[in-house]
Amino acid sequence: MFELGTDGPSVIVAGLDGSPSSMRAAAYAAGLARRQGSLLSLVYIQPIGTMGGADVGVAINQAGREVAEDLERQIREGIDEGSHRGSIRWEFHTAPGDAYAGIVEHADRLKADAVVIGVSEKAGHRLLGSVAVRLVKAGRWPVTVVP
């Protein structure tokens, strides 16, 4: 049954990796969240360093944490100091792991109504499948892929 005021998404998940397309996806998702009164949940899944020995793995893990801190700072500056200050409810989540699995877990846990992600900028993903393609194929939420 339809209820007045509940016809839009209540939670929008946006996946980030620091690339220009992921930042455009976050901006697009922020606009959707602002207009719909939705919670915007921004997710950065840190790559896990498992190849190349322990020293390389530690360096990759540290770099992932630094990227997460920088992304959160950029987002906070963009939203909290922008023209829409206070008009967007948002949260930032980060964890180490596989990007696809992390976004799926996060979207399921929050009962997301939509997922927004940037198009992959890696050439190899045309053959192996990008996170965006895998999310679309999962068919669990409406997925918007932002160029």
C-alpha atoms as a PDB file:
ATOM      1  CA  MET A   1       0.000   0.000   0.000  1.00  0.00           C
ATOM      2  CA  PHE A   2       1.273   3.475  -0.929  1.00  0.00           C
ATOM      3  CA  GLU A   3       2.032   5.898   1.892  1.00  0.00           C
ATOM      4  CA  LEU A   4       2.326   9.615   1.227  1.00  0.00           C
ATOM      5  CA  GLY A   5       5.919  10.746   1.670  1.00  0.00           C
ATOM      6  CA  THR A   6       7.507   7.299   1.458  1.00  0.00           C
ATOM      7  CA  ASP A   7       7.706   6.823  -2.288  1.00  0.00           C
ATOM      8  CA  GLY A   8      11.428   7.564  -2.703  1.00  0.00           C
ATOM      9  CA  PRO A   9      14.560   5.744  -1.610  1.00  0.00           C
ATOM     10  CA  SER A  10      15.364   5.914   2.084  1.00  0.00           C
ATOM     11  CA  VAL A  11      19.011   4.778   1.739  1.00  0.00           C
ATOM     12  CA  ILE A  12      21.325   5.367  -1.221  1.00  0.00           C
ATOM     13  CA  VAL A  13      24.718   3.641  -1.201  1.00  0.00           C
ATOM     14  CA  ALA A  14      27.531   5.108  -3.293  1.00  0.00           C
ATOM     15  CA  GLY A  15      30.787   3.240  -3.847  1.00  0.00           C
ATOM     16  CA  LEU A  16      34.001   5.265  -3.926  1.00  0.00           C
ATOM     17  CA  ASP A  17      37.578   4.502  -4.892  1.00  0.00           C
ATOM     18  CA  GLY A  18      38.983   8.011  -5.317  1.00  0.00           C
ATOM     19  CA  SER A  19      38.788   7.970  -9.130  1.00  0.00           C
ATOM     20  CA  PRO A  20      37.173  10.892 -10.970  1.00  0.00           C
ATOM     21  CA  SER A  21      34.213   8.720 -12.009  1.00  0.00           C
ATOM     22  CA  SER A  22      33.615   7.585  -8.418  1.00  0.00           C
ATOM     23  CA  MET A  23      33.691  11.173  -7.212  1.00  0.00           C
ATOM     24  CA  ARG A  24      31.135  12.105  -9.905  1.00  0.00           C
ATOM     25  CA  ALA A  25      29.033   9.142  -8.725  1.00  0.00           C
ATOM     26  CA  ALA A  26      29.224  10.421  -5.135  1.00  0.00           C
ATOM     27  CA  ALA A  27      28.147  13.901  -6.255  1.00  0.00           C
ATOM     28  CA  TYR A  28      25.262  12.427  -8.271  1.00  0.00           C
ATOM     29  CA  ALA A  29      24.201  10.275  -5.300  1.00  0.00           C
ATOM     30  CA  ALA A  30      24.412  13.323  -3.005  1.00  0.00           C
ATOM     31  CA  GLY A  31      22.039  15.200  -5.291  1.00  0.00           C
ATOM     32  CA  LEU A  32      19.611  12.276  -5.295  1.00  0.00           C
ATOM     33  CA  ALA A  33      19.811  11.976  -1.510  1.00  0.00           C
ATOM     34  CA  ARG A  34      19.251  15.702  -1.016  1.00  0.00           C
ATOM     35  CA  ARG A  35      16.225  15.821  -3.330  1.00  0.00           C
ATOM     36  CA  GLN A  36      14.678  12.618  -1.959  1.00  0.00           C
ATOM     37  CA  GLY A  37      15.505  13.225   1.719  1.00  0.00           C
ATOM     38  CA  SER A  38      17.458   9.949   1.730  1.00  0.00           C
ATOM     39  CA  LEU A  39      20.419   8.858   3.810  1.00  0.00           C
ATOM     40  CA  LEU A  40      23.563   8.857   1.665  1.00  0.00           C
ATOM     41  CA  SER A  41      25.938   6.089   2.672  1.00  0.00           C
ATOM     42  CA  LEU A  42      29.355   6.475   1.051  1.00  0.00           C
ATOM     43  CA  VAL A  43      31.497   3.327   0.983  1.00  0.00           C
ATOM     44  CA  TYR A  44      35.220   2.978   0.302  1.00  0.00           C
ATOM     45  CA  ILE A  45      36.528  -0.590   0.349  1.00  0.00           C
ATOM     46  CA  GLN A  46      40.278  -0.585   0.891  1.00  0.00           C
ATOM     47  CA  PRO A  47      42.258  -2.995  -1.313  1.00  0.00           C
ATOM     48  CA  ILE A  48      43.902  -5.768   0.671  1.00  0.00           C
ATOM     49  CA  GLY A  49      47.631  -6.243   0.201  1.00  0.00           C
ATOM     50  CA  THR A  50      48.142  -9.987  -0.118  1.00  0.00           C
ATOM     51  CA  MET A  51      50.676 -10.233  -2.920  1.00  0.00           C
ATOM     52  CA  GLY A  52      54.380  -9.477  -2.914  1.00  0.00           C
ATOM     53  CA  GLY A  53      55.228 -10.419   0.653  1.00  0.00           C
ATOM     54  CA  ALA A  54      54.392  -9.038   4.076  1.00  0.00           C
ATOM     55  CA  ASP A  55      56.143  -5.678   3.618  1.00  0.00           C
ATOM     56  CA  VAL A  56      54.255  -4.914   0.412  1.00  0.00           C
ATOM     57  CA  GLY A  57      50.959  -6.010   2.002  1.00  0.00           C
ATOM     58  CA  VAL A  58      51.506  -3.718   4.985  1.00  0.00           C
ATOM     59  CA  ALA A  59      52.316  -0.809   2.657  1.00  0.00           C
ATOM     60  CA  ILE A  60      49.170  -1.403   0.583  1.00  0.00           C
ATOM     61  CA  ASN A  61      47.017  -1.655   3.708  1.00  0.00           C
ATOM     62  CA  GLN A  62      48.501   1.610   5.070  1.00  0.00           C
ATOM     63  CA  ALA A  63      47.924   3.323   1.725  1.00  0.00           C
ATOM     64  CA  GLY A  64      44.295   2.133   1.787  1.00  0.00           C
ATOM     65  CA  ARG A  65      43.764   3.685   5.212  1.00  0.00           C
ATOM     66  CA  GLU A  66      45.340   6.949   4.035  1.00  0.00           C
ATOM     67  CA  VAL A  67      43.110   7.040   0.934  1.00  0.00           C
ATOM     68  CA  ALA A  68      40.059   6.424   3.162  1.00  0.00           C
ATOM     69  CA  GLU A  69      41.010   9.323   5.438  1.00  0.00           C
ATOM     70  CA  ASP A  70      41.592  11.614   2.456  1.00  0.00           C
ATOM     71  CA  LEU A  71      38.269  10.633   0.827  1.00  0.00           C
ATOM     72  CA  GLU A  72      36.369  11.282   4.032  1.00  0.00           C
ATOM     73  CA  ARG A  73      38.067  14.678   4.394  1.00  0.00           C
ATOM     74  CA  GLN A  74      37.204  15.632   0.790  1.00  0.00           C
ATOM     75  CA  ILE A  75      33.592  14.539   1.239  1.00  0.00           C
ATOM     76  CA  ARG A  76      33.225  16.373   4.536  1.00  0.00           C
ATOM     77  CA  GLU A  77      34.616  19.552   2.973  1.00  0.00           C
ATOM     78  CA  GLY A  78      32.416  19.207  -0.105  1.00  0.00           C
ATOM     79  CA  ILE A  79      29.182  18.552   1.772  1.00  0.00           C
ATOM     80  CA  ASP A  80      29.590  20.375   5.078  1.00  0.00           C
ATOM     81  CA  GLU A  81      31.167  23.496   3.609  1.00  0.00           C
ATOM     82  CA  GLY A  82      29.178  23.544   0.359  1.00  0.00           C
ATOM     83  CA  SER A  83      25.989  25.330  -0.500  1.00  0.00           C
ATOM     84  CA  HIS A  84      23.895  22.383   0.737  1.00  0.00           C
ATOM     85  CA  ARG A  85      25.340  22.306   4.245  1.00  0.00           C
ATOM     86  CA  GLY A  86      23.007  20.436   6.550  1.00  0.00           C
ATOM     87  CA  SER A  87      20.599  19.434   3.783  1.00  0.00           C
ATOM     88  CA  ILE A  88      22.208  16.020   3.175  1.00  0.00           C
ATOM     89  CA  ARG A  89      22.204  13.250   5.739  1.00  0.00           C
ATOM     90  CA  TRP A  90      25.320  11.206   5.064  1.00  0.00           C
ATOM     91  CA  GLU A  91      27.734   8.729   6.553  1.00  0.00           C
ATOM     92  CA  PHE A  92      31.091   7.357   5.452  1.00  0.00           C
ATOM     93  CA  HIS A  93      32.120   3.723   5.833  1.00  0.00           C
ATOM     94  CA  THR A  94      35.389   2.032   5.034  1.00  0.00           C
ATOM     95  CA  ALA A  95      36.742  -1.472   5.480  1.00  0.00           C
ATOM     96  CA  PRO A  96      39.422  -3.614   3.876  1.00  0.00           C
ATOM     97  CA  GLY A  97      38.322  -6.218   1.342  1.00  0.00           C
ATOM     98  CA  ASP A  98      37.005  -6.860  -2.132  1.00  0.00           C
ATOM     99  CA  ALA A  99      35.145  -3.834  -3.535  1.00  0.00           C
ATOM    100  CA  TYR A 100      32.193  -5.796  -4.914  1.00  0.00           C
ATOM    101  CA  ALA A 101      31.711  -7.933  -1.804  1.00  0.00           C
ATOM    102  CA  GLY A 102      32.115  -4.922   0.488  1.00  0.00           C
ATOM    103  CA  ILE A 103      29.537  -2.820  -1.333  1.00  0.00           C
ATOM    104  CA  VAL A 104      27.088  -5.748  -1.451  1.00  0.00           C
ATOM    105  CA  GLU A 105      27.513  -6.419   2.273  1.00  0.00           C
ATOM    106  CA  HIS A 106      27.060  -2.748   3.094  1.00  0.00           C
ATOM    107  CA  ALA A 107      24.000  -2.308   0.848  1.00  0.00           C
ATOM    108  CA  ASP A 108      22.383  -5.455   2.285  1.00  0.00           C
ATOM    109  CA  ARG A 109      23.087  -4.442   5.882  1.00  0.00           C
ATOM    110  CA  LEU A 110      21.533  -1.004   5.368  1.00  0.00           C
ATOM    111  CA  LYS A 111      18.664  -2.346   3.251  1.00  0.00           C
ATOM    112  CA  ALA A 112      19.673   0.086   0.507  1.00  0.00           C
ATOM    113  CA  ASP A 113      17.066   1.186  -1.991  1.00  0.00           C
ATOM    114  CA  ALA A 114      19.641   2.164  -4.626  1.00  0.00           C
ATOM    115  CA  VAL A 115      23.350   1.858  -5.399  1.00  0.00           C
ATOM    116  CA  VAL A 116      25.345   4.460  -7.331  1.00  0.00           C
ATOM    117  CA  ILE A 117      28.825   3.725  -8.641  1.00  0.00           C
ATOM    118  CA  GLY A 118      31.257   5.214 -11.126  1.00  0.00           C
ATOM    119  CA  VAL A 119      32.171   3.463 -14.356  1.00  0.00           C
ATOM    120  CA  SER A 120      35.447   1.567 -14.199  1.00  0.00           C
ATOM    121  CA  GLU A 121      38.424   3.361 -15.657  1.00  0.00           C
ATOM    122  CA  LYS A 122      40.529   0.187 -15.946  1.00  0.00           C
ATOM    123  CA  ALA A 123      40.921  -1.395 -19.375  1.00  0.00           C
ATOM    124  CA  GLY A 124      41.035  -4.966 -18.008  1.00  0.00           C
ATOM    125  CA  HIS A 125      37.514  -4.661 -16.644  1.00  0.00           C
ATOM    126  CA  ARG A 126      36.109  -4.871 -20.157  1.00  0.00           C
ATOM    127  CA  LEU A 127      37.170  -8.526 -20.152  1.00  0.00           C
ATOM    128  CA  LEU A 128      36.828  -9.537 -16.507  1.00  0.00           C
ATOM    129  CA  GLY A 129      33.880  -7.388 -15.495  1.00  0.00           C
ATOM    130  CA  SER A 130      33.918  -4.297 -13.346  1.00  0.00           C
ATOM    131  CA  VAL A 131      32.385  -3.814  -9.921  1.00  0.00           C
ATOM    132  CA  ALA A 132      29.602  -1.815 -11.604  1.00  0.00           C
ATOM    133  CA  VAL A 133      28.760  -4.628 -14.024  1.00  0.00           C
ATOM    134  CA  ARG A 134      28.801  -7.185 -11.216  1.00  0.00           C
ATOM    135  CA  LEU A 135      26.438  -5.017  -9.124  1.00  0.00           C
ATOM    136  CA  VAL A 136      24.031  -4.646 -12.047  1.00  0.00           C
ATOM    137  CA  LYS A 137      24.102  -8.400 -12.689  1.00  0.00           C
ATOM    138  CA  ALA A 138      23.405  -9.114  -9.015  1.00  0.00           C
ATOM    139  CA  GLY A 139      19.983  -7.531  -9.565  1.00  0.00           C
ATOM    140  CA  ARG A 140      19.416  -6.795  -5.880  1.00  0.00           C
ATOM    141  CA  TRP A 141      18.920  -3.012  -6.126  1.00  0.00           C
ATOM    142  CA  PRO A 142      18.522  -0.396  -8.810  1.00  0.00           C
ATOM    143  CA  VAL A 143      22.106   0.468  -9.812  1.00  0.00           C
ATOM    144  CA  THR A 144      23.082   3.739 -11.450  1.00  0.00           C
ATOM    145  CA  VAL A 145      26.464   3.735 -13.194  1.00  0.00           C
ATOM    146  CA  VAL A 146      27.863   7.250 -13.578  1.00  0.00           C
ATOM    147  CA  PRO A 147      30.394   7.943 -16.358  1.00  0.00           C
END
